Amino acid sequence: MKFSIQSIYTWYRNLLRNPKYRWWVILGTLVYLISPIDIAPDVIPILGQVDDVFLLTLLVTEVSTLLIEGFKSRQGQSTAENVASTTYGVNTSTDHTVDVDAVSVK
């Protein structure tokens, strides 16, 4: 089995896409940032802040992804409700394809 940074990153991102694990990552990150126990203590000039910045970035990324997904699902529900109410219960697709023939102008 061949390991690479890309395969580990892909595994990690797929793991976080599961909503149950996303909440665990958010909770674990908050606990780590609040707790006085650190992997790299803050008294070490650069390394002490790098781990905190990394975890803060992870926290902001996960929370923003969660908020964006929630916003998109609400928008999708309200759009579907509007379409269903205007078409009297018939569920139609809102995606339309426009076929255009291009003509060269000289």
Protein backbone atom coordinates (compact mmCIF):
# COMPACT_ATOMS: atom_id res chain seq x y z
CA MET A 1 0.00 0.00 0.00
CA LYS A 2 1.51 3.28 -1.12
CA PHE A 3 1.16 6.31 1.15
CA SER A 4 1.52 9.88 0.02
CA ILE A 5 0.62 13.27 1.35
CA GLN A 6 -2.17 13.54 -1.24
CA SER A 7 -3.72 10.20 -0.21
CA ILE A 8 -3.65 11.18 3.47
CA TYR A 9 -5.19 14.57 2.64
CA THR A 10 -7.91 12.90 0.53
CA TRP A 11 -8.68 10.46 3.35
CA TYR A 12 -8.85 13.35 5.85
CA ARG A 13 -11.18 15.45 3.67
CA ASN A 14 -13.48 12.48 3.02
CA LEU A 15 -13.59 11.81 6.75
CA LEU A 16 -14.60 15.40 7.46
CA ARG A 17 -17.40 15.31 4.90
CA ASN A 18 -19.32 13.05 7.26
CA PRO A 19 -21.43 15.45 9.40
CA LYS A 20 -20.87 13.40 12.57
CA TYR A 21 -17.10 13.71 12.30
CA ARG A 22 -17.28 17.38 11.36
CA TRP A 23 -18.91 18.15 14.71
CA TRP A 24 -16.23 16.12 16.51
CA VAL A 25 -13.49 18.11 14.75
CA ILE A 26 -15.15 21.40 15.69
CA LEU A 27 -15.59 20.31 19.31
CA GLY A 28 -12.05 18.89 19.54
CA THR A 29 -10.55 22.04 18.06
CA LEU A 30 -12.41 24.25 20.52
CA VAL A 31 -11.32 22.09 23.46
CA TYR A 32 -7.69 22.15 22.27
CA LEU A 33 -7.68 25.93 21.83
CA ILE A 34 -9.20 26.49 25.29
CA SER A 35 -7.11 23.91 27.16
CA PRO A 36 -3.75 24.90 28.66
CA ILE A 37 -2.14 21.71 27.32
CA ASP A 38 -0.48 22.30 23.94
CA ILE A 39 1.45 20.12 21.50
CA ALA A 40 3.88 22.97 21.02
CA PRO A 41 3.88 25.43 23.96
CA ASP A 42 3.39 29.08 23.11
CA VAL A 43 6.72 30.00 24.72
CA ILE A 44 8.49 28.49 21.70
CA PRO A 45 8.67 31.57 19.44
CA ILE A 46 7.28 30.42 16.08
CA LEU A 47 6.24 26.81 16.53
CA GLY A 48 4.04 27.66 19.51
CA GLN A 49 1.82 29.92 17.43
CA VAL A 50 1.85 27.80 14.25
CA ASP A 51 -0.14 24.93 15.76
CA ASP A 52 -2.72 27.35 17.19
CA VAL A 53 -3.06 29.16 13.85
CA PHE A 54 -3.41 25.85 12.02
CA LEU A 55 -6.18 24.68 14.35
CA LEU A 56 -7.91 28.05 14.23
CA THR A 57 -7.84 27.86 10.43
CA LEU A 58 -9.30 24.35 10.59
CA LEU A 59 -12.05 25.57 12.93
CA VAL A 60 -12.97 28.54 10.73
CA THR A 61 -12.96 26.34 7.61
CA GLU A 62 -15.25 23.71 9.13
CA VAL A 63 -17.69 26.21 10.64
CA SER A 64 -17.89 28.24 7.44
CA THR A 65 -18.44 25.06 5.39
CA LEU A 66 -21.21 24.06 7.78
CA LEU A 67 -22.84 27.50 7.50
CA ILE A 68 -22.56 27.60 3.71
CA GLU A 69 -24.10 24.11 3.36
CA GLY A 70 -26.95 25.13 5.66
CA PHE A 71 -27.53 28.32 3.70
CA LYS A 72 -27.52 26.46 0.38
CA SER A 73 -29.95 23.83 1.66
CA ARG A 74 -32.32 26.54 2.89
CA GLN A 75 -32.09 28.35 -0.43
CA GLY A 76 -32.76 25.10 -2.27
CA GLN A 77 -35.80 24.37 -0.12
CA SER A 78 -37.26 27.85 -0.57
CA THR A 79 -36.64 27.72 -4.33
CA ALA A 80 -38.27 24.28 -4.55
CA GLU A 81 -41.24 25.52 -2.51
CA ASN A 82 -41.66 28.54 -4.81
CA VAL A 83 -41.52 26.38 -7.92
CA ALA A 84 -43.96 23.86 -6.46
CA SER A 85 -46.40 26.56 -5.42
CA THR A 86 -46.36 28.29 -8.82
CA THR A 87 -46.83 25.05 -10.75
CA TYR A 88 -49.66 23.77 -8.50
CA GLY A 89 -47.79 20.84 -7.04
CA VAL A 90 -46.00 19.74 -10.19
CA ASN A 91 -42.31 19.47 -9.41
CA THR A 92 -40.36 20.75 -12.40
CA SER A 93 -36.68 21.40 -12.83
CA THR A 94 -35.51 25.01 -12.66
CA ASP A 95 -32.48 24.34 -14.87
CA HIS A 96 -32.94 25.38 -18.47
CA THR A 97 -30.64 24.79 -21.40
CA VAL A 98 -30.43 27.36 -24.15
CA ASP A 99 -29.20 26.08 -27.52
CA VAL A 100 -27.50 28.80 -29.53
CA ASP A 101 -26.11 28.55 -33.05
CA ALA A 102 -22.98 30.64 -33.47
CA VAL A 103 -22.54 32.59 -36.69
CA SER A 104 -19.24 34.16 -37.68
CA VAL A 105 -19.49 37.90 -38.44
CA LYS A 106 -16.85 39.39 -40.72
